[in-house]
Amino acid sequence: MANMTLDDMIIAARRMARVKSSSHDNTTVGELINEGQRKFGVDVHGLWDERYIQIAPKFNVDTNWYWRMITNAASATIQFATAAAYDVTGSTMAGYISSCVQAGFDTDSSVTWNPNTWKFTLICPTATFIEVSAATETAYVKNQVSKFFGVGTQTTTDYVGTFPEDCTVRASLPAGFLSIEHVEWDGNPVYPAPFETTISPGWYGTDPMLYYINGKEIRLYPTPSSHKDFHIFFKKMPADFGAASATGSGSMSASSTLDREFQYAPIYWTASQLCDENGESQRADRFFGRYMQETRKYTAQRHNQNPQMFPRPYNFQVPNVKF
């Protein structure tokens, strides 16, 4: 059976509440349907979902962070950025460093970011060798070369940096995210950790074992040096329909993202609100009771399918829990 569209749900809610489109147009009832879906998501503590997500390094930089560049032609102590920045991508950070290199060393030099290897490359077309080291001047508070390039000498016009130390790798969580349930990296479980663990990791180049949720982002520790399958199981809010116009255009043909067997939950809730507006308190209570039955049915279904709650030895019958 196909999922119900917004048009189907609006018609069903009006029929139950015995109201007409002349008094409650599509826009009004559509907004109530969306409210009902959101309420259902909250009352069942989120809808289960899973996703493979992409991660990306993010960088912080301050104006007192310096490094030293030496070639066969010249040497200089260079800033990483002329303004402080936080949580910037690798390509943005490469642009900051390029501007400083061109201003303080050589206008032909530049820095690039490789999104596949997660490394910075320093390019100096006139060099026969490039040496990267820490700044030694006492006026410079922070020598942070290891955060971006590493220290070393390469006999080429391109200096390919090592994997950046303390590169906090994170990913944006899916839309509607409420809470995490289980995290895997390359098929292995990753466990929750305190926020302090992920501020300055200090350990990188191996598969992560811990994670921390910060708002709508997930951080990993240790920092991996390559991307592998990053699989999360989580709870989320159901997606809203787009705005439905009073004349029947907009998202009227869009389908609900709820499972088909629970799509009457927001309809019952909407009918309850419409009846309450019309002073029909008994009918409003009746439809609200049906809405609550749907929430209990969803919760019971999830609990009955949870092998951690009900282990299944041979010939064990799982009890049918009802709330």
C-alpha atoms as a PDB file:
ATOM      1  CA  MET A   1       0.000   0.000   0.000  1.00  0.00           C
ATOM      2  CA  ALA A   2       1.376   3.376  -1.049  1.00  0.00           C
ATOM      3  CA  ASN A   3       2.137   6.065   1.489  1.00  0.00           C
ATOM      4  CA  MET A   4      -0.527   8.700   1.993  1.00  0.00           C
ATOM      5  CA  THR A   5      -0.024  12.099   0.392  1.00  0.00           C
ATOM      6  CA  LEU A   6      -0.649  15.372   2.151  1.00  0.00           C
ATOM      7  CA  ASP A   7      -3.854  15.690   0.132  1.00  0.00           C
ATOM      8  CA  ASP A   8      -5.014  12.253   1.379  1.00  0.00           C
ATOM      9  CA  MET A   9      -4.257  13.181   4.992  1.00  0.00           C
ATOM     10  CA  ILE A  10      -6.027  16.552   4.788  1.00  0.00           C
ATOM     11  CA  ILE A  11      -9.152  14.929   3.312  1.00  0.00           C
ATOM     12  CA  ALA A  12      -9.151  12.219   6.019  1.00  0.00           C
ATOM     13  CA  ALA A  13      -8.715  14.758   8.848  1.00  0.00           C
ATOM     14  CA  ARG A  14     -11.567  16.921   7.519  1.00  0.00           C
ATOM     15  CA  ARG A  15     -13.846  13.894   7.180  1.00  0.00           C
ATOM     16  CA  MET A  16     -13.179  12.761  10.751  1.00  0.00           C
ATOM     17  CA  ALA A  17     -13.666  16.257  12.192  1.00  0.00           C
ATOM     18  CA  ARG A  18     -16.692  16.952   9.953  1.00  0.00           C
ATOM     19  CA  VAL A  19     -15.367  20.278   8.690  1.00  0.00           C
ATOM     20  CA  LYS A  20     -15.352  21.756   5.196  1.00  0.00           C
ATOM     21  CA  SER A  21     -12.623  23.306   3.124  1.00  0.00           C
ATOM     22  CA  SER A  22     -14.514  26.600   3.198  1.00  0.00           C
ATOM     23  CA  SER A  23     -13.914  26.891   6.936  1.00  0.00           C
ATOM     24  CA  HIS A  24     -10.563  25.069   7.161  1.00  0.00           C
ATOM     25  CA  ASP A  25      -8.547  25.400   3.962  1.00  0.00           C
ATOM     26  CA  ASN A  26      -5.587  23.282   2.890  1.00  0.00           C
ATOM     27  CA  THR A  27      -3.049  25.652   4.412  1.00  0.00           C
ATOM     28  CA  THR A  28      -4.663  25.499   7.868  1.00  0.00           C
ATOM     29  CA  VAL A  29      -5.169  21.731   7.931  1.00  0.00           C
ATOM     30  CA  GLY A  30      -1.756  21.103   6.336  1.00  0.00           C
ATOM     31  CA  GLU A  31      -0.047  23.029   9.129  1.00  0.00           C
ATOM     32  CA  LEU A  32      -1.905  20.916  11.693  1.00  0.00           C
ATOM     33  CA  ILE A  33      -0.791  17.723   9.895  1.00  0.00           C
ATOM     34  CA  ASN A  34       2.825  18.891  10.166  1.00  0.00           C
ATOM     35  CA  GLU A  35       2.343  19.708  13.853  1.00  0.00           C
ATOM     36  CA  GLY A  36       0.852  16.243  14.351  1.00  0.00           C
ATOM     37  CA  GLN A  37       3.841  14.573  12.701  1.00  0.00           C
ATOM     38  CA  ARG A  38       6.258  16.551  14.859  1.00  0.00           C
ATOM     39  CA  LYS A  39       4.285  15.724  18.011  1.00  0.00           C
ATOM     40  CA  PHE A  40       4.296  12.042  17.072  1.00  0.00           C
ATOM     41  CA  GLY A  41       8.081  12.173  16.657  1.00  0.00           C
ATOM     42  CA  VAL A  42       8.487  13.691  20.127  1.00  0.00           C
ATOM     43  CA  ASP A  43       5.978  11.397  21.848  1.00  0.00           C
ATOM     44  CA  VAL A  44       7.638   8.211  20.539  1.00  0.00           C
ATOM     45  CA  HIS A  45      11.098   9.637  21.394  1.00  0.00           C
ATOM     46  CA  GLY A  46      12.150   9.814  17.756  1.00  0.00           C
ATOM     47  CA  LEU A  47      11.844   7.632  14.666  1.00  0.00           C
ATOM     48  CA  TRP A  48      14.561   5.070  14.042  1.00  0.00           C
ATOM     49  CA  ASP A  49      16.834   5.477  11.018  1.00  0.00           C
ATOM     50  CA  GLU A  50      20.347   4.698   9.838  1.00  0.00           C
ATOM     51  CA  ARG A  51      22.783   6.427   7.533  1.00  0.00           C
ATOM     52  CA  TYR A  52      26.283   6.214   6.091  1.00  0.00           C
ATOM     53  CA  ILE A  53      27.732   9.710   6.457  1.00  0.00           C
ATOM     54  CA  GLN A  54      30.784  11.548   5.177  1.00  0.00           C
ATOM     55  CA  ILE A  55      33.332  13.081   7.520  1.00  0.00           C
ATOM     56  CA  ALA A  56      35.682  16.001   6.923  1.00  0.00           C
ATOM     57  CA  PRO A  57      38.587  17.580   8.814  1.00  0.00           C
ATOM     58  CA  LYS A  58      37.999  21.014  10.337  1.00  0.00           C
ATOM     59  CA  PHE A  59      40.688  23.435  11.452  1.00  0.00           C
ATOM     60  CA  ASN A  60      41.175  26.263  13.924  1.00  0.00           C
ATOM     61  CA  VAL A  61      43.800  28.982  13.439  1.00  0.00           C
ATOM     62  CA  ASP A  62      44.888  32.101  15.314  1.00  0.00           C
ATOM     63  CA  THR A  63      46.960  35.134  14.411  1.00  0.00           C
ATOM     64  CA  ASN A  64      49.874  34.115  16.667  1.00  0.00           C
ATOM     65  CA  TRP A  65      50.400  30.782  14.918  1.00  0.00           C
ATOM     66  CA  TYR A  66      53.590  30.783  12.832  1.00  0.00           C
ATOM     67  CA  TRP A  67      55.919  28.454  10.922  1.00  0.00           C
ATOM     68  CA  ARG A  68      59.195  28.731   8.991  1.00  0.00           C
ATOM     69  CA  MET A  69      59.760  28.116   5.275  1.00  0.00           C
ATOM     70  CA  ILE A  70      63.215  27.714   3.710  1.00  0.00           C
ATOM     71  CA  THR A  71      64.144  27.137   0.050  1.00  0.00           C
ATOM     72  CA  ASN A  72      67.326  27.407  -1.978  1.00  0.00           C
ATOM     73  CA  ALA A  73      66.421  31.041  -2.676  1.00  0.00           C
ATOM     74  CA  ALA A  74      65.109  32.474   0.598  1.00  0.00           C
ATOM     75  CA  SER A  75      63.753  31.836   4.083  1.00  0.00           C
ATOM     76  CA  ALA A  76      61.009  33.462   6.136  1.00  0.00           C
ATOM     77  CA  THR A  77      58.819  33.066   9.190  1.00  0.00           C
ATOM     78  CA  ILE A  78      55.188  33.123   8.076  1.00  0.00           C
ATOM     79  CA  GLN A  79      51.783  33.378   9.695  1.00  0.00           C
ATOM     80  CA  PHE A  80      49.183  30.712   9.049  1.00  0.00           C
ATOM     81  CA  ALA A  81      46.395  33.286   8.849  1.00  0.00           C
ATOM     82  CA  THR A  82      45.965  37.040   9.267  1.00  0.00           C
ATOM     83  CA  ALA A  83      42.698  36.590  11.189  1.00  0.00           C
ATOM     84  CA  ALA A  84      41.519  33.996  13.666  1.00  0.00           C
ATOM     85  CA  ALA A  85      39.139  31.368  12.275  1.00  0.00           C
ATOM     86  CA  TYR A  86      37.446  28.326  13.732  1.00  0.00           C
ATOM     87  CA  ASP A  87      35.972  25.142  12.296  1.00  0.00           C
ATOM     88  CA  VAL A  88      37.054  25.931   8.726  1.00  0.00           C
ATOM     89  CA  THR A  89      37.444  23.329   5.981  1.00  0.00           C
ATOM     90  CA  GLY A  90      40.777  22.213   4.552  1.00  0.00           C
ATOM     91  CA  SER A  91      40.296  24.131   1.299  1.00  0.00           C
ATOM     92  CA  THR A  92      39.482  27.325   3.219  1.00  0.00           C
ATOM     93  CA  MET A  93      42.511  26.835   5.448  1.00  0.00           C
ATOM     94  CA  ALA A  94      44.715  26.315   2.372  1.00  0.00           C
ATOM     95  CA  GLY A  95      43.510  29.668   1.043  1.00  0.00           C
ATOM     96  CA  TYR A  96      44.477  31.389   4.298  1.00  0.00           C
ATOM     97  CA  ILE A  97      47.972  29.879   4.247  1.00  0.00           C
ATOM     98  CA  SER A  98      48.423  30.686   0.537  1.00  0.00           C
ATOM     99  CA  SER A  99      47.684  34.349   1.144  1.00  0.00           C
ATOM    100  CA  CYS A 100      50.265  34.488   3.942  1.00  0.00           C
ATOM    101  CA  VAL A 101      52.920  32.663   1.888  1.00  0.00           C
ATOM    102  CA  GLN A 102      52.413  35.003  -1.057  1.00  0.00           C
ATOM    103  CA  ALA A 103      52.543  38.067   1.180  1.00  0.00           C
ATOM    104  CA  GLY A 104      55.529  36.994   3.285  1.00  0.00           C
ATOM    105  CA  PHE A 105      57.646  34.800   1.007  1.00  0.00           C
ATOM    106  CA  ASP A 106      56.947  34.498  -2.735  1.00  0.00           C
ATOM    107  CA  THR A 107      53.999  35.638  -4.831  1.00  0.00           C
ATOM    108  CA  ASP A 108      54.318  32.557  -7.046  1.00  0.00           C
ATOM    109  CA  SER A 109      53.984  30.103  -4.156  1.00  0.00           C
ATOM    110  CA  SER A 110      50.699  28.605  -3.007  1.00  0.00           C
ATOM    111  CA  VAL A 111      49.129  25.974  -0.781  1.00  0.00           C
ATOM    112  CA  THR A 112      46.507  23.404  -1.810  1.00  0.00           C
ATOM    113  CA  TRP A 113      44.338  20.917   0.093  1.00  0.00           C
ATOM    114  CA  ASN A 114      43.745  17.337  -1.047  1.00  0.00           C
ATOM    115  CA  PRO A 115      40.251  16.216   0.075  1.00  0.00           C
ATOM    116  CA  ASN A 116      41.125  12.561  -0.588  1.00  0.00           C
ATOM    117  CA  THR A 117      44.398  12.262   1.344  1.00  0.00           C
ATOM    118  CA  TRP A 118      43.541  15.077   3.802  1.00  0.00           C
ATOM    119  CA  LYS A 119      46.950  16.720   3.375  1.00  0.00           C
ATOM    120  CA  PHE A 120      48.223  20.215   2.571  1.00  0.00           C
ATOM    121  CA  THR A 121      50.727  20.711  -0.263  1.00  0.00           C
ATOM    122  CA  LEU A 122      53.104  23.689  -0.367  1.00  0.00           C
ATOM    123  CA  ILE A 123      54.005  24.637  -3.958  1.00  0.00           C
ATOM    124  CA  CYS A 124      57.043  26.805  -4.772  1.00  0.00           C
ATOM    125  CA  PRO A 125      57.789  26.672  -8.542  1.00  0.00           C
ATOM    126  CA  THR A 126      61.328  28.114  -8.277  1.00  0.00           C
ATOM    127  CA  ALA A 127      62.557  25.883  -5.438  1.00  0.00           C
ATOM    128  CA  THR A 128      64.966  22.959  -5.713  1.00  0.00           C
ATOM    129  CA  PHE A 129      64.170  22.014  -2.130  1.00  0.00           C
ATOM    130  CA  ILE A 130      61.620  23.099   0.479  1.00  0.00           C
ATOM    131  CA  GLU A 131      62.201  22.877   4.212  1.00  0.00           C
ATOM    132  CA  VAL A 132      59.348  23.356   6.658  1.00  0.00           C
ATOM    133  CA  SER A 133      60.126  23.865  10.339  1.00  0.00           C
ATOM    134  CA  ALA A 134      58.872  25.533  13.503  1.00  0.00           C
ATOM    135  CA  ALA A 135      59.314  29.276  13.996  1.00  0.00           C
ATOM    136  CA  THR A 136      62.118  30.056  16.456  1.00  0.00           C
ATOM    137  CA  GLU A 137      61.500  33.736  17.166  1.00  0.00           C
ATOM    138  CA  THR A 138      60.468  34.255  20.784  1.00  0.00           C
ATOM    139  CA  ALA A 139      57.935  36.905  19.767  1.00  0.00           C
ATOM    140  CA  TYR A 140      55.819  34.230  18.151  1.00  0.00           C
ATOM    141  CA  VAL A 141      53.712  32.560  20.796  1.00  0.00           C
ATOM    142  CA  LYS A 142      52.670  29.426  18.970  1.00  0.00           C
ATOM    143  CA  ASN A 143      54.732  27.166  16.715  1.00  0.00           C
ATOM    144  CA  GLN A 144      51.939  25.177  15.095  1.00  0.00           C
ATOM    145  CA  VAL A 145      53.583  23.757  11.989  1.00  0.00           C
ATOM    146  CA  SER A 146      52.700  20.171  12.943  1.00  0.00           C
ATOM    147  CA  LYS A 147      48.997  21.040  12.848  1.00  0.00           C
ATOM    148  CA  PHE A 148      49.184  21.608   9.096  1.00  0.00           C
ATOM    149  CA  PHE A 149      52.409  20.419   7.403  1.00  0.00           C
ATOM    150  CA  GLY A 150      54.665  18.495   9.726  1.00  0.00           C
ATOM    151  CA  VAL A 151      58.401  19.198   9.879  1.00  0.00           C
ATOM    152  CA  GLY A 152      60.820  18.096   7.172  1.00  0.00           C
ATOM    153  CA  THR A 153      62.684  18.737   3.912  1.00  0.00           C
ATOM    154  CA  GLN A 154      61.662  17.635   0.416  1.00  0.00           C
ATOM    155  CA  THR A 155      63.790  18.086  -2.722  1.00  0.00           C
ATOM    156  CA  THR A 156      60.998  19.123  -5.046  1.00  0.00           C
ATOM    157  CA  THR A 157      58.910  22.138  -5.975  1.00  0.00           C
ATOM    158  CA  ASP A 158      55.973  20.621  -4.053  1.00  0.00           C
ATOM    159  CA  TYR A 159      56.149  19.900  -0.339  1.00  0.00           C
ATOM    160  CA  VAL A 160      53.438  17.371   0.590  1.00  0.00           C
ATOM    161  CA  GLY A 161      52.670  17.672   4.269  1.00  0.00           C
ATOM    162  CA  THR A 162      52.077  14.854   6.720  1.00  0.00           C
ATOM    163  CA  PHE A 163      48.597  14.217   8.057  1.00  0.00           C
ATOM    164  CA  PRO A 164      47.728  17.260  10.212  1.00  0.00           C
ATOM    165  CA  GLU A 165      48.032  16.674  13.939  1.00  0.00           C
ATOM    166  CA  ASP A 166      45.015  17.446  16.102  1.00  0.00           C
ATOM    167  CA  CYS A 167      42.846  17.618  13.013  1.00  0.00           C
ATOM    168  CA  THR A 168      39.428  17.245  14.617  1.00  0.00           C
ATOM    169  CA  VAL A 169      37.413  15.127  12.204  1.00  0.00           C
ATOM    170  CA  ARG A 170      33.679  15.611  12.369  1.00  0.00           C
ATOM    171  CA  ALA A 171      30.515  15.157  10.356  1.00  0.00           C
ATOM    172  CA  SER A 172      27.140  16.867  10.164  1.00  0.00           C
ATOM    173  CA  LEU A 173      24.306  14.676  11.398  1.00  0.00           C
ATOM    174  CA  PRO A 174      21.231  14.074   9.217  1.00  0.00           C
ATOM    175  CA  ALA A 175      18.299  16.468   9.111  1.00  0.00           C
ATOM    176  CA  GLY A 176      15.871  16.018  11.984  1.00  0.00           C
ATOM    177  CA  PHE A 177      18.466  14.292  14.189  1.00  0.00           C
ATOM    178  CA  LEU A 178      17.375  13.784  17.813  1.00  0.00           C
ATOM    179  CA  SER A 179      19.695  11.229  19.423  1.00  0.00           C
ATOM    180  CA  ILE A 180      22.314   8.640  18.539  1.00  0.00           C
ATOM    181  CA  GLU A 181      21.755   4.953  19.171  1.00  0.00           C
ATOM    182  CA  HIS A 182      24.790   3.160  17.746  1.00  0.00           C
ATOM    183  CA  VAL A 183      27.930   4.157  15.826  1.00  0.00           C
ATOM    184  CA  GLU A 184      30.248   1.985  13.714  1.00  0.00           C
ATOM    185  CA  TRP A 185      33.510   2.716  11.912  1.00  0.00           C
ATOM    186  CA  ASP A 186      34.527   0.137   9.317  1.00  0.00           C
ATOM    187  CA  GLY A 187      32.105  -2.330  10.925  1.00  0.00           C
ATOM    188  CA  ASN A 188      33.510  -1.883  14.449  1.00  0.00           C
ATOM    189  CA  PRO A 189      31.573  -0.206  17.289  1.00  0.00           C
ATOM    190  CA  VAL A 190      32.516   3.322  18.372  1.00  0.00           C
ATOM    191  CA  TYR A 191      31.607   4.362  21.912  1.00  0.00           C
ATOM    192  CA  PRO A 192      30.501   7.690  23.491  1.00  0.00           C
ATOM    193  CA  ALA A 193      33.123   9.796  25.250  1.00  0.00           C
ATOM    194  CA  PRO A 194      33.318  13.081  27.205  1.00  0.00           C
ATOM    195  CA  PHE A 195      33.647  16.284  25.193  1.00  0.00           C
ATOM    196  CA  GLU A 196      37.126  16.934  26.612  1.00  0.00           C
ATOM    197  CA  THR A 197      38.431  13.931  24.696  1.00  0.00           C
ATOM    198  CA  THR A 198      37.768  15.525  21.315  1.00  0.00           C
ATOM    199  CA  ILE A 199      38.910  19.117  21.957  1.00  0.00           C
ATOM    200  CA  SER A 200      42.609  18.473  21.226  1.00  0.00           C
ATOM    201  CA  PRO A 201      42.840  14.822  20.211  1.00  0.00           C
ATOM    202  CA  GLY A 202      46.654  14.469  20.202  1.00  0.00           C
ATOM    203  CA  TRP A 203      46.269  11.002  18.672  1.00  0.00           C
ATOM    204  CA  TYR A 204      45.659  10.452  14.991  1.00  0.00           C
ATOM    205  CA  GLY A 205      46.214   8.058  12.119  1.00  0.00           C
ATOM    206  CA  THR A 206      44.221   5.120  13.477  1.00  0.00           C
ATOM    207  CA  ASP A 207      40.588   4.048  13.451  1.00  0.00           C
ATOM    208  CA  PRO A 208      38.424   6.025  15.891  1.00  0.00           C
ATOM    209  CA  MET A 209      37.168   4.306  19.025  1.00  0.00           C
ATOM    210  CA  LEU A 210      35.175   7.136  20.638  1.00  0.00           C
ATOM    211  CA  TYR A 211      32.706   9.805  19.561  1.00  0.00           C
ATOM    212  CA  TYR A 212      31.063  12.891  20.985  1.00  0.00           C
ATOM    213  CA  ILE A 213      27.853  14.591  19.841  1.00  0.00           C
ATOM    214  CA  ASN A 214      28.043  18.390  19.798  1.00  0.00           C
ATOM    215  CA  GLY A 215      24.746  19.891  18.658  1.00  0.00           C
ATOM    216  CA  LYS A 216      24.155  18.524  15.163  1.00  0.00           C
ATOM    217  CA  GLU A 217      27.740  17.335  14.645  1.00  0.00           C
ATOM    218  CA  ILE A 218      29.583  14.168  15.652  1.00  0.00           C
ATOM    219  CA  ARG A 219      33.313  14.250  16.489  1.00  0.00           C
ATOM    220  CA  LEU A 220      35.649  11.253  16.380  1.00  0.00           C
ATOM    221  CA  TYR A 221      38.639  10.214  18.496  1.00  0.00           C
ATOM    222  CA  PRO A 222      41.339   9.289  17.633  1.00  0.00           C
ATOM    223  CA  THR A 223      41.401  11.288  14.406  1.00  0.00           C
ATOM    224  CA  PRO A 224      41.441   8.868  11.434  1.00  0.00           C
ATOM    225  CA  SER A 225      43.791   9.600   8.530  1.00  0.00           C
ATOM    226  CA  SER A 226      41.518   8.116   5.861  1.00  0.00           C
ATOM    227  CA  HIS A 227      37.819   7.639   5.265  1.00  0.00           C
ATOM    228  CA  LYS A 228      36.103   4.305   5.856  1.00  0.00           C
ATOM    229  CA  ASP A 229      32.470   3.273   6.242  1.00  0.00           C
ATOM    230  CA  PHE A 230      30.984   5.508   8.923  1.00  0.00           C
ATOM    231  CA  HIS A 231      27.618   4.012   9.860  1.00  0.00           C
ATOM    232  CA  ILE A 232      25.242   5.540  12.403  1.00  0.00           C
ATOM    233  CA  PHE A 233      21.912   4.414  13.819  1.00  0.00           C
ATOM    234  CA  PHE A 234      19.883   7.276  15.252  1.00  0.00           C
ATOM    235  CA  LYS A 235      16.489   8.690  16.125  1.00  0.00           C
ATOM    236  CA  LYS A 236      15.037  11.611  14.215  1.00  0.00           C
ATOM    237  CA  MET A 237      11.994  13.800  13.774  1.00  0.00           C
ATOM    238  CA  PRO A 238       9.722  13.080  10.796  1.00  0.00           C
ATOM    239  CA  ALA A 239      10.183  15.469   7.906  1.00  0.00           C
ATOM    240  CA  ASP A 240       7.579  18.189   7.426  1.00  0.00           C
ATOM    241  CA  PHE A 241       5.535  18.520   4.286  1.00  0.00           C
ATOM    242  CA  GLY A 242       6.165  21.722   2.387  1.00  0.00           C
ATOM    243  CA  ALA A 243       3.613  24.504   2.563  1.00  0.00           C
ATOM    244  CA  ALA A 244       0.229  23.629   1.076  1.00  0.00           C
ATOM    245  CA  SER A 245      -1.669  26.497  -0.481  1.00  0.00           C
ATOM    246  CA  ALA A 246      -5.347  27.077   0.152  1.00  0.00           C
ATOM    247  CA  THR A 247      -6.092  26.347  -3.505  1.00  0.00           C
ATOM    248  CA  GLY A 248      -4.551  22.879  -3.427  1.00  0.00           C
ATOM    249  CA  SER A 249      -1.094  23.491  -4.907  1.00  0.00           C
ATOM    250  CA  GLY A 250       2.223  23.300  -3.078  1.00  0.00           C
ATOM    251  CA  SER A 251       3.185  19.922  -1.616  1.00  0.00           C
ATOM    252  CA  MET A 252      -0.260  18.303  -1.793  1.00  0.00           C
ATOM    253  CA  SER A 253       1.097  15.293  -3.717  1.00  0.00           C
ATOM    254  CA  ALA A 254       4.101  14.778  -1.415  1.00  0.00           C
ATOM    255  CA  SER A 255       4.084  11.495   0.545  1.00  0.00           C
ATOM    256  CA  SER A 256       4.429  11.168   4.302  1.00  0.00           C
ATOM    257  CA  THR A 257       7.794   9.962   5.588  1.00  0.00           C
ATOM    258  CA  LEU A 258       6.140   8.010   8.416  1.00  0.00           C
ATOM    259  CA  ASP A 259       5.772   4.244   8.035  1.00  0.00           C
ATOM    260  CA  ARG A 260       2.450   3.469   6.364  1.00  0.00           C
ATOM    261  CA  GLU A 261       0.930   1.791   9.430  1.00  0.00           C
ATOM    262  CA  PHE A 262       1.458   4.916  11.545  1.00  0.00           C
ATOM    263  CA  GLN A 263       0.363   7.603   9.103  1.00  0.00           C
ATOM    264  CA  TYR A 264      -3.038   7.943  10.737  1.00  0.00           C
ATOM    265  CA  ALA A 265      -1.385   9.227  13.937  1.00  0.00           C
ATOM    266  CA  PRO A 266      -1.046  12.866  12.742  1.00  0.00           C
ATOM    267  CA  ILE A 267      -4.495  12.605  11.127  1.00  0.00           C
ATOM    268  CA  TYR A 268      -6.083  11.631  14.455  1.00  0.00           C
ATOM    269  CA  TRP A 269      -4.197  14.449  16.187  1.00  0.00           C
ATOM    270  CA  THR A 270      -5.337  16.968  13.554  1.00  0.00           C
ATOM    271  CA  ALA A 271      -8.947  15.788  13.807  1.00  0.00           C
ATOM    272  CA  SER A 272      -8.718  16.174  17.591  1.00  0.00           C
ATOM    273  CA  GLN A 273      -7.548  19.787  17.233  1.00  0.00           C
ATOM    274  CA  LEU A 274     -10.250  20.619  14.702  1.00  0.00           C
ATOM    275  CA  CYS A 275     -12.970  19.131  16.910  1.00  0.00           C
ATOM    276  CA  ASP A 276     -11.645  21.020  19.902  1.00  0.00           C
ATOM    277  CA  GLU A 277     -11.805  24.279  17.933  1.00  0.00           C
ATOM    278  CA  ASN A 278     -15.451  23.541  17.143  1.00  0.00           C
ATOM    279  CA  GLY A 279     -16.296  22.915  20.807  1.00  0.00           C
ATOM    280  CA  GLU A 280     -16.763  19.142  20.328  1.00  0.00           C
ATOM    281  CA  SER A 281     -14.718  18.094  23.337  1.00  0.00           C
ATOM    282  CA  GLN A 282     -15.907  14.468  23.420  1.00  0.00           C
ATOM    283  CA  ARG A 283     -14.989  13.884  19.783  1.00  0.00           C
ATOM    284  CA  ALA A 284     -11.691  15.713  20.354  1.00  0.00           C
ATOM    285  CA  ASP A 285     -10.884  13.400  23.291  1.00  0.00           C
ATOM    286  CA  ARG A 286     -11.840  10.343  21.234  1.00  0.00           C
ATOM    287  CA  PHE A 287      -9.505  11.229  18.367  1.00  0.00           C
ATOM    288  CA  PHE A 288      -6.713  12.172  20.781  1.00  0.00           C
ATOM    289  CA  GLY A 289      -7.123   8.741  22.384  1.00  0.00           C
ATOM    290  CA  ARG A 290      -6.729   7.130  18.968  1.00  0.00           C
ATOM    291  CA  TYR A 291      -3.603   9.220  18.423  1.00  0.00           C
ATOM    292  CA  MET A 292      -2.161   7.964  21.723  1.00  0.00           C
ATOM    293  CA  GLN A 293      -2.945   4.380  20.679  1.00  0.00           C
ATOM    294  CA  GLU A 294      -0.758   4.916  17.596  1.00  0.00           C
ATOM    295  CA  THR A 295       2.127   6.192  19.722  1.00  0.00           C
ATOM    296  CA  ARG A 296       1.868   3.192  22.062  1.00  0.00           C
ATOM    297  CA  LYS A 297       1.675   0.839  19.094  1.00  0.00           C
ATOM    298  CA  TYR A 298       4.849   2.325  17.607  1.00  0.00           C
ATOM    299  CA  THR A 299       6.712   2.138  20.935  1.00  0.00           C
ATOM    300  CA  ALA A 300       5.575  -1.437  21.606  1.00  0.00           C
ATOM    301  CA  GLN A 301       6.573  -2.544  18.115  1.00  0.00           C
ATOM    302  CA  ARG A 302      10.082  -1.186  18.570  1.00  0.00           C
ATOM    303  CA  HIS A 303      10.463  -2.762  22.005  1.00  0.00           C
ATOM    304  CA  ASN A 304       9.219  -6.151  20.800  1.00  0.00           C
ATOM    305  CA  GLN A 305      11.876  -6.116  18.084  1.00  0.00           C
ATOM    306  CA  ASN A 306      14.717  -5.337  20.483  1.00  0.00           C
ATOM    307  CA  PRO A 307      16.808  -8.485  21.147  1.00  0.00           C
ATOM    308  CA  GLN A 308      18.609  -6.759  24.026  1.00  0.00           C
ATOM    309  CA  MET A 309      15.347  -6.527  25.920  1.00  0.00           C
ATOM    310  CA  PHE A 310      14.127 -10.008  24.925  1.00  0.00           C
ATOM    311  CA  PRO A 311      16.962 -12.501  24.197  1.00  0.00           C
ATOM    312  CA  ARG A 312      15.869 -15.364  21.988  1.00  0.00           C
ATOM    313  CA  PRO A 313      17.236 -18.753  22.950  1.00  0.00           C
ATOM    314  CA  TYR A 314      16.002 -21.733  20.981  1.00  0.00           C
ATOM    315  CA  ASN A 315      12.168 -22.016  20.990  1.00  0.00           C
ATOM    316  CA  PHE A 316      11.802 -18.867  23.106  1.00  0.00           C
ATOM    317  CA  GLN A 317       8.560 -16.995  22.424  1.00  0.00           C
ATOM    318  CA  VAL A 318       8.918 -13.216  22.490  1.00  0.00           C
ATOM    319  CA  PRO A 319       6.184 -11.676  24.680  1.00  0.00           C
ATOM    320  CA  ASN A 320       3.826  -9.230  23.020  1.00  0.00           C
ATOM    321  CA  VAL A 321       4.296  -6.121  25.146  1.00  0.00           C
ATOM    322  CA  LYS A 322       1.543  -3.529  25.077  1.00  0.00           C
ATOM    323  CA  PHE A 323       1.608  -0.184  26.848  1.00  0.00           C
END
